[in-house]
PDB file of N, CA and C in Angstrom:
ATOM      1  N   MET A   1     -98.123-128.234  -4.014  1.00  0.00           N
ATOM      2  CA  MET A   1     -98.933-127.041  -3.926  1.00  0.00           C
ATOM      3  C   MET A   1    -100.395-127.420  -4.079  1.00  0.00           C
ATOM      4  N   PHE A   2    -101.229-126.599  -3.491  1.00  0.00           N
ATOM      5  CA  PHE A   2    -102.663-126.821  -3.571  1.00  0.00           C
ATOM      6  C   PHE A   2    -103.335-125.560  -4.093  1.00  0.00           C
ATOM      7  N   TRP A   3    -104.336-125.741  -4.944  1.00  0.00           N
ATOM      8  CA  TRP A   3    -105.066-124.594  -5.465  1.00  0.00           C
ATOM      9  C   TRP A   3    -105.700-123.821  -4.319  1.00  0.00           C
ATOM     10  N   GLN A   4    -105.654-122.506  -4.435  1.00  0.00           N
ATOM     11  CA  GLN A   4    -106.232-121.575  -3.465  1.00  0.00           C
ATOM     12  C   GLN A   4    -105.686-121.804  -2.054  1.00  0.00           C
ATOM     13  N   ASP A   5    -104.404-122.149  -1.971  1.00  0.00           N
ATOM     14  CA  ASP A   5    -103.749-122.322  -0.672  1.00  0.00           C
ATOM     15  C   ASP A   5    -103.453-120.954  -0.080  1.00  0.00           C
ATOM     16  N   HIS A   6    -103.146-120.914   1.188  1.00  0.00           N
ATOM     17  CA  HIS A   6    -102.922-119.666   1.921  1.00  0.00           C
ATOM     18  C   HIS A   6    -101.533-119.095   1.637  1.00  0.00           C
ATOM     19  N   ALA A   7    -101.415-117.775   1.824  1.00  0.00           N
ATOM     20  CA  ALA A   7    -100.114-117.104   1.723  1.00  0.00           C
ATOM     21  C   ALA A   7     -99.311-117.415   2.985  1.00  0.00           C
ATOM     22  N   PRO A   8     -98.010-117.286   2.976  1.00  0.00           N
ATOM     23  CA  PRO A   8     -97.133-116.869   1.899  1.00  0.00           C
ATOM     24  C   PRO A   8     -96.956-117.983   0.875  1.00  0.00           C
ATOM     25  N   PRO A   9     -96.417-117.643  -0.304  1.00  0.00           N
ATOM     26  CA  PRO A   9     -96.173-118.675  -1.316  1.00  0.00           C
ATOM     27  C   PRO A   9     -95.282-119.779  -0.736  1.00  0.00           C
ATOM     28  N   HIS A  10     -95.754-121.000  -0.825  1.00  0.00           N
ATOM     29  CA  HIS A  10     -95.028-122.121  -0.236  1.00  0.00           C
ATOM     30  C   HIS A  10     -95.343-123.399  -0.992  1.00  0.00           C
ATOM     31  N   PHE A  11     -94.581-124.435  -0.682  1.00  0.00           N
ATOM     32  CA  PHE A  11     -94.876-125.767  -1.213  1.00  0.00           C
ATOM     33  C   PHE A  11     -94.757-126.777  -0.086  1.00  0.00           C
ATOM     34  N   HIS A  12     -95.384-127.916  -0.295  1.00  0.00           N
ATOM     35  CA  HIS A  12     -95.363-129.010   0.669  1.00  0.00           C
ATOM     36  C   HIS A  12     -94.355-130.047   0.184  1.00  0.00           C
ATOM     37  N   ALA A  13     -93.517-130.530   1.085  1.00  0.00           N
ATOM     38  CA  ALA A  13     -92.566-131.592   0.759  1.00  0.00           C
ATOM     39  C   ALA A  13     -92.838-132.764   1.699  1.00  0.00           C
ATOM     40  N   LEU A  14     -92.919-133.949   1.121  1.00  0.00           N
ATOM     41  CA  LEU A  14     -93.203-135.164   1.882  1.00  0.00           C
ATOM     42  C   LEU A  14     -92.011-136.109   1.829  1.00  0.00           C
ATOM     43  N   TYR A  15     -91.733-136.762   2.955  1.00  0.00           N
ATOM     44  CA  TYR A  15     -90.686-137.769   3.032  1.00  0.00           C
ATOM     45  C   TYR A  15     -91.143-138.793   4.066  1.00  0.00           C
ATOM     46  N   GLY A  16     -91.594-139.960   3.591  1.00  0.00           N
ATOM     47  CA  GLY A  16     -92.155-140.946   4.504  1.00  0.00           C
ATOM     48  C   GLY A  16     -93.328-140.358   5.266  1.00  0.00           C
ATOM     49  N   GLU A  17     -93.268-140.425   6.583  1.00  0.00           N
ATOM     50  CA  GLU A  17     -94.353-139.877   7.406  1.00  0.00           C
ATOM     51  C   GLU A  17     -94.133-138.400   7.735  1.00  0.00           C
ATOM     52  N   TYR A  18     -93.069-137.804   7.212  1.00  0.00           N
ATOM     53  CA  TYR A  18     -92.739-136.403   7.484  1.00  0.00           C
ATOM     54  C   TYR A  18     -93.298-135.485   6.404  1.00  0.00           C
ATOM     55  N   GLU A  19     -93.648-134.271   6.815  1.00  0.00           N
ATOM     56  CA  GLU A  19     -94.100-133.248   5.879  1.00  0.00           C
ATOM     57  C   GLU A  19     -93.649-131.884   6.383  1.00  0.00           C
ATOM     58  N   VAL A  20     -93.165-131.076   5.450  1.00  0.00           N
ATOM     59  CA  VAL A  20     -92.811-129.696   5.774  1.00  0.00           C
ATOM     60  C   VAL A  20     -93.453-128.768   4.761  1.00  0.00           C
ATOM     61  N   LEU A  21     -93.736-127.548   5.199  1.00  0.00           N
ATOM     62  CA  LEU A  21     -94.171-126.471   4.316  1.00  0.00           C
ATOM     63  C   LEU A  21     -93.002-125.509   4.243  1.00  0.00           C
ATOM     64  N   ILE A  22     -92.594-125.166   3.022  1.00  0.00           N
ATOM     65  CA  ILE A  22     -91.416-124.334   2.818  1.00  0.00           C
ATOM     66  C   ILE A  22     -91.793-123.065   2.072  1.00  0.00           C
ATOM     67  N   ASN A  23     -91.403-121.929   2.621  1.00  0.00           N
ATOM     68  CA  ASN A  23     -91.626-120.641   2.003  1.00  0.00           C
ATOM     69  C   ASN A  23     -90.762-120.562   0.747  1.00  0.00           C
ATOM     70  N   ILE A  24     -91.366-120.278  -0.398  1.00  0.00           N
ATOM     71  CA  ILE A  24     -90.624-120.253  -1.651  1.00  0.00           C
ATOM     72  C   ILE A  24     -89.646-119.085  -1.686  1.00  0.00           C
ATOM     73  N   ARG A  25     -90.034-117.942  -1.172  1.00  0.00           N
ATOM     74  CA  ARG A  25     -89.173-116.755  -1.236  1.00  0.00           C
ATOM     75  C   ARG A  25     -87.942-116.864  -0.347  1.00  0.00           C
ATOM     76  N   THR A  26     -88.111-117.400   0.861  1.00  0.00           N
ATOM     77  CA  THR A  26     -87.008-117.427   1.830  1.00  0.00           C
ATOM     78  C   THR A  26     -86.384-118.813   1.998  1.00  0.00           C
ATOM     79  N   LEU A  27     -87.070-119.839   1.518  1.00  0.00           N
ATOM     80  CA  LEU A  27     -86.684-121.246   1.695  1.00  0.00           C
ATOM     81  C   LEU A  27     -86.593-121.637   3.166  1.00  0.00           C
ATOM     82  N   GLU A  28     -87.385-120.974   3.984  1.00  0.00           N
ATOM     83  CA  GLU A  28     -87.475-121.331   5.394  1.00  0.00           C
ATOM     84  C   GLU A  28     -88.631-122.300   5.603  1.00  0.00           C
ATOM     85  N   VAL A  29     -88.461-123.208   6.561  1.00  0.00           N
ATOM     86  CA  VAL A  29     -89.533-124.123   6.922  1.00  0.00           C
ATOM     87  C   VAL A  29     -90.578-123.331   7.699  1.00  0.00           C
ATOM     88  N   ILE A  30     -91.803-123.344   7.182  1.00  0.00           N
ATOM     89  CA  ILE A  30     -92.911-122.655   7.838  1.00  0.00           C
ATOM     90  C   ILE A  30     -93.515-123.543   8.910  1.00  0.00           C
ATOM     91  N   GLN A  31     -93.603-124.832   8.577  1.00  0.00           N
ATOM     92  CA  GLN A  31     -94.275-125.771   9.479  1.00  0.00           C
ATOM     93  C   GLN A  31     -93.757-127.167   9.195  1.00  0.00           C
ATOM     94  N   GLY A  32     -93.722-127.987  10.228  1.00  0.00           N
ATOM     95  CA  GLY A  32     -93.376-129.383  10.075  1.00  0.00           C
ATOM     96  C   GLY A  32     -91.917-129.677  10.366  1.00  0.00           C
ATOM     97  N   ASP A  33     -91.559-130.945  10.152  1.00  0.00           N
ATOM     98  CA  ASP A  33     -90.219-131.433  10.447  1.00  0.00           C
ATOM     99  C   ASP A  33     -89.878-132.552   9.487  1.00  0.00           C
ATOM    100  N   MET A  34     -88.587-132.742   9.267  1.00  0.00           N
ATOM    101  CA  MET A  34     -88.107-133.754   8.334  1.00  0.00           C
ATOM    102  C   MET A  34     -86.656-134.055   8.714  1.00  0.00           C
ATOM    103  N   PRO A  35     -86.191-135.277   8.496  1.00  0.00           N
ATOM    104  CA  PRO A  35     -84.778-135.565   8.780  1.00  0.00           C
ATOM    105  C   PRO A  35     -83.858-134.591   8.030  1.00  0.00           C
ATOM    106  N   ARG A  36     -82.764-134.241   8.665  1.00  0.00           N
ATOM    107  CA  ARG A  36     -81.847-133.220   8.156  1.00  0.00           C
ATOM    108  C   ARG A  36     -81.386-133.482   6.720  1.00  0.00           C
ATOM    109  N   ARG A  37     -80.993-134.697   6.402  1.00  0.00           N
ATOM    110  CA  ARG A  37     -80.490-135.012   5.050  1.00  0.00           C
ATOM    111  C   ARG A  37     -81.590-134.838   4.010  1.00  0.00           C
ATOM    112  N   ALA A  38     -82.787-135.299   4.299  1.00  0.00           N
ATOM    113  CA  ALA A  38     -83.904-135.151   3.364  1.00  0.00           C
ATOM    114  C   ALA A  38     -84.234-133.678   3.169  1.00  0.00           C
ATOM    115  N   LEU A  39     -84.247-132.911   4.244  1.00  0.00           N
ATOM    116  CA  LEU A  39     -84.538-131.488   4.146  1.00  0.00           C
ATOM    117  C   LEU A  39     -83.470-130.771   3.318  1.00  0.00           C
ATOM    118  N   ALA A  40     -82.213-131.148   3.489  1.00  0.00           N
ATOM    119  CA  ALA A  40     -81.133-130.530   2.716  1.00  0.00           C
ATOM    120  C   ALA A  40     -81.341-130.756   1.224  1.00  0.00           C
ATOM    121  N   LEU A  41     -81.769-131.950   0.842  1.00  0.00           N
ATOM    122  CA  LEU A  41     -82.034-132.238  -0.573  1.00  0.00           C
ATOM    123  C   LEU A  41     -83.219-131.439  -1.093  1.00  0.00           C
ATOM    124  N   VAL A  42     -84.260-131.335  -0.288  1.00  0.00           N
ATOM    125  CA  VAL A  42     -85.433-130.544  -0.686  1.00  0.00           C
ATOM    126  C   VAL A  42     -85.026-129.089  -0.892  1.00  0.00           C
ATOM    127  N   LEU A  43     -84.245-128.541   0.024  1.00  0.00           N
ATOM    128  CA  LEU A  43     -83.831-127.144  -0.087  1.00  0.00           C
ATOM    129  C   LEU A  43     -82.893-126.910  -1.266  1.00  0.00           C
ATOM    130  N   GLU A  44     -82.022-127.871  -1.546  1.00  0.00           N
ATOM    131  CA  GLU A  44     -81.151-127.773  -2.725  1.00  0.00           C
ATOM    132  C   GLU A  44     -82.000-127.719  -3.994  1.00  0.00           C
ATOM    133  N   TRP A  45     -82.986-128.616  -4.078  1.00  0.00           N
ATOM    134  CA  TRP A  45     -83.889-128.650  -5.234  1.00  0.00           C
ATOM    135  C   TRP A  45     -84.659-127.337  -5.347  1.00  0.00           C
ATOM    136  N   ALA A  46     -85.178-126.845  -4.230  1.00  0.00           N
ATOM    137  CA  ALA A  46     -85.970-125.615  -4.248  1.00  0.00           C
ATOM    138  C   ALA A  46     -85.131-124.412  -4.672  1.00  0.00           C
ATOM    139  N   GLN A  47     -83.891-124.370  -4.231  1.00  0.00           N
ATOM    140  CA  GLN A  47     -82.995-123.282  -4.623  1.00  0.00           C
ATOM    141  C   GLN A  47     -82.816-123.271  -6.141  1.00  0.00           C
ATOM    142  N   GLU A  48     -82.630-124.436  -6.727  1.00  0.00           N
ATOM    143  CA  GLU A  48     -82.430-124.554  -8.173  1.00  0.00           C
ATOM    144  C   GLU A  48     -83.688-124.223  -8.972  1.00  0.00           C
ATOM    145  N   HIS A  49     -84.856-124.378  -8.364  1.00  0.00           N
ATOM    146  CA  HIS A  49     -86.124-124.236  -9.088  1.00  0.00           C
ATOM    147  C   HIS A  49     -87.036-123.167  -8.498  1.00  0.00           C
ATOM    148  N   ARG A  50     -86.469-122.206  -7.809  1.00  0.00           N
ATOM    149  CA  ARG A  50     -87.284-121.189  -7.128  1.00  0.00           C
ATOM    150  C   ARG A  50     -88.175-120.432  -8.117  1.00  0.00           C
ATOM    151  N   THR A  51     -87.647-120.056  -9.274  1.00  0.00           N
ATOM    152  CA  THR A  51     -88.445-119.327 -10.268  1.00  0.00           C
ATOM    153  C   THR A  51     -89.624-120.171 -10.733  1.00  0.00           C
ATOM    154  N   GLU A  52     -89.368-121.435 -11.013  1.00  0.00           N
ATOM    155  CA  GLU A  52     -90.435-122.340 -11.453  1.00  0.00           C
ATOM    156  C   GLU A  52     -91.478-122.542 -10.353  1.00  0.00           C
ATOM    157  N   LEU A  53     -91.025-122.609  -9.110  1.00  0.00           N
ATOM    158  CA  LEU A  53     -91.950-122.753  -7.991  1.00  0.00           C
ATOM    159  C   LEU A  53     -92.869-121.543  -7.879  1.00  0.00           C
ATOM    160  N   MET A  54     -92.303-120.348  -8.055  1.00  0.00           N
ATOM    161  CA  MET A  54     -93.135-119.142  -8.008  1.00  0.00           C
ATOM    162  C   MET A  54     -94.119-119.106  -9.173  1.00  0.00           C
ATOM    163  N   GLU A  55     -93.678-119.539 -10.349  1.00  0.00           N
ATOM    164  CA  GLU A  55     -94.586-119.603 -11.494  1.00  0.00           C
ATOM    165  C   GLU A  55     -95.738-120.563 -11.202  1.00  0.00           C
ATOM    166  N   ASN A  56     -95.428-121.704 -10.614  1.00  0.00           N
ATOM    167  CA  ASN A  56     -96.483-122.660 -10.272  1.00  0.00           C
ATOM    168  C   ASN A  56     -97.400-122.103  -9.189  1.00  0.00           C
ATOM    169  N   TRP A  57     -96.845-121.344  -8.239  1.00  0.00           N
ATOM    170  CA  TRP A  57     -97.688-120.723  -7.210  1.00  0.00           C
ATOM    171  C   TRP A  57     -98.709-119.799  -7.875  1.00  0.00           C
ATOM    172  N   GLU A  58     -98.248-119.007  -8.830  1.00  0.00           N
ATOM    173  CA  GLU A  58     -99.160-118.103  -9.538  1.00  0.00           C
ATOM    174  C   GLU A  58    -100.222-118.893 -10.304  1.00  0.00           C
ATOM    175  N   LEU A  59     -99.834-119.984 -10.931  1.00  0.00           N
ATOM    176  CA  LEU A  59    -100.811-120.827 -11.625  1.00  0.00           C
ATOM    177  C   LEU A  59    -101.856-121.351 -10.641  1.00  0.00           C
ATOM    178  N   CYS A  60    -101.413-121.777  -9.459  1.00  0.00           N
ATOM    179  CA  CYS A  60    -102.338-122.288  -8.439  1.00  0.00           C
ATOM    180  C   CYS A  60    -103.351-121.229  -8.034  1.00  0.00           C
ATOM    181  N   THR A  61    -102.891-119.995  -7.903  1.00  0.00           N
ATOM    182  CA  THR A  61    -103.808-118.947  -7.459  1.00  0.00           C
ATOM    183  C   THR A  61    -104.886-118.658  -8.498  1.00  0.00           C
ATOM    184  N   HIS A  62    -104.662-119.112  -9.732  1.00  0.00           N
ATOM    185  CA  HIS A  62    -105.637-118.926 -10.810  1.00  0.00           C
ATOM    186  C   HIS A  62    -106.285-120.253 -11.234  1.00  0.00           C
ATOM    187  N   ASN A  63    -106.179-121.268 -10.364  1.00  0.00           N
ATOM    188  CA  ASN A  63    -106.771-122.592 -10.609  1.00  0.00           C
ATOM    189  C   ASN A  63    -106.345-123.192 -11.944  1.00  0.00           C
ATOM    190  N   GLN A  64    -105.090-122.985 -12.311  1.00  0.00           N
ATOM    191  CA  GLN A  64    -104.563-123.535 -13.550  1.00  0.00           C
ATOM    192  C   GLN A  64    -103.647-124.712 -13.249  1.00  0.00           C
ATOM    193  N   SER A  65    -103.454-125.549 -14.240  1.00  0.00           N
ATOM    194  CA  SER A  65    -102.588-126.723 -14.079  1.00  0.00           C
ATOM    195  C   SER A  65    -101.139-126.299 -13.876  1.00  0.00           C
ATOM    196  N   LEU A  66    -100.468-127.038 -13.009  1.00  0.00           N
ATOM    197  CA  LEU A  66     -99.066-126.754 -12.717  1.00  0.00           C
ATOM    198  C   LEU A  66     -98.163-127.324 -13.796  1.00  0.00           C
ATOM    199  N   LYS A  67     -96.992-126.722 -13.912  1.00  0.00           N
ATOM    200  CA  LYS A  67     -95.954-127.225 -14.827  1.00  0.00           C
ATOM    201  C   LYS A  67     -95.063-128.185 -14.046  1.00  0.00           C
ATOM    202  N   LYS A  68     -94.604-129.230 -14.711  1.00  0.00           N
ATOM    203  CA  LYS A  68     -93.732-130.204 -14.075  1.00  0.00           C
ATOM    204  C   LYS A  68     -92.378-129.567 -13.786  1.00  0.00           C
ATOM    205  N   ILE A  69     -91.858-129.835 -12.610  1.00  0.00           N
ATOM    206  CA  ILE A  69     -90.521-129.381 -12.228  1.00  0.00           C
ATOM    207  C   ILE A  69     -89.660-130.640 -12.036  1.00  0.00           C
ATOM    208  N   HIS A  70     -88.547-130.667 -12.722  1.00  0.00           N
ATOM    209  CA  HIS A  70     -87.687-131.853 -12.691  1.00  0.00           C
ATOM    210  C   HIS A  70     -87.050-132.050 -11.326  1.00  0.00           C
ATOM    211  N   PRO A  71     -86.837-133.316 -10.935  1.00  0.00           N
ATOM    212  CA  PRO A  71     -86.169-133.623  -9.658  1.00  0.00           C
ATOM    213  C   PRO A  71     -84.674-133.395  -9.763  1.00  0.00           C
ATOM    214  N   LEU A  72     -83.984-133.549  -8.640  1.00  0.00           N
ATOM    215  CA  LEU A  72     -82.519-133.509  -8.662  1.00  0.00           C
ATOM    216  C   LEU A  72     -82.012-134.685  -9.471  1.00  0.00           C
ATOM    217  N   PRO A  73     -80.897-134.508 -10.163  1.00  0.00           N
ATOM    218  CA  PRO A  73     -80.326-135.636 -10.945  1.00  0.00           C
ATOM    219  C   PRO A  73     -79.821-136.750 -10.055  1.00  0.00           C
TER     220      PRO A  73
END
């Protein structure tokens, strides 16, 4: 996430040279592309941490530090 980023609430996921922007509310890819297996893992993680992602989005909109979100085990 980036401070003062544009709506809708989203996060950026990177995998090698790939990058996707994912809508936090719908978990749909807004922009970009990524190999299917990597995207599946990102979406699994996002599903588990959707509340935390929204909390971090709100922090970003107020230029506050983000809270760490744990990776998949």
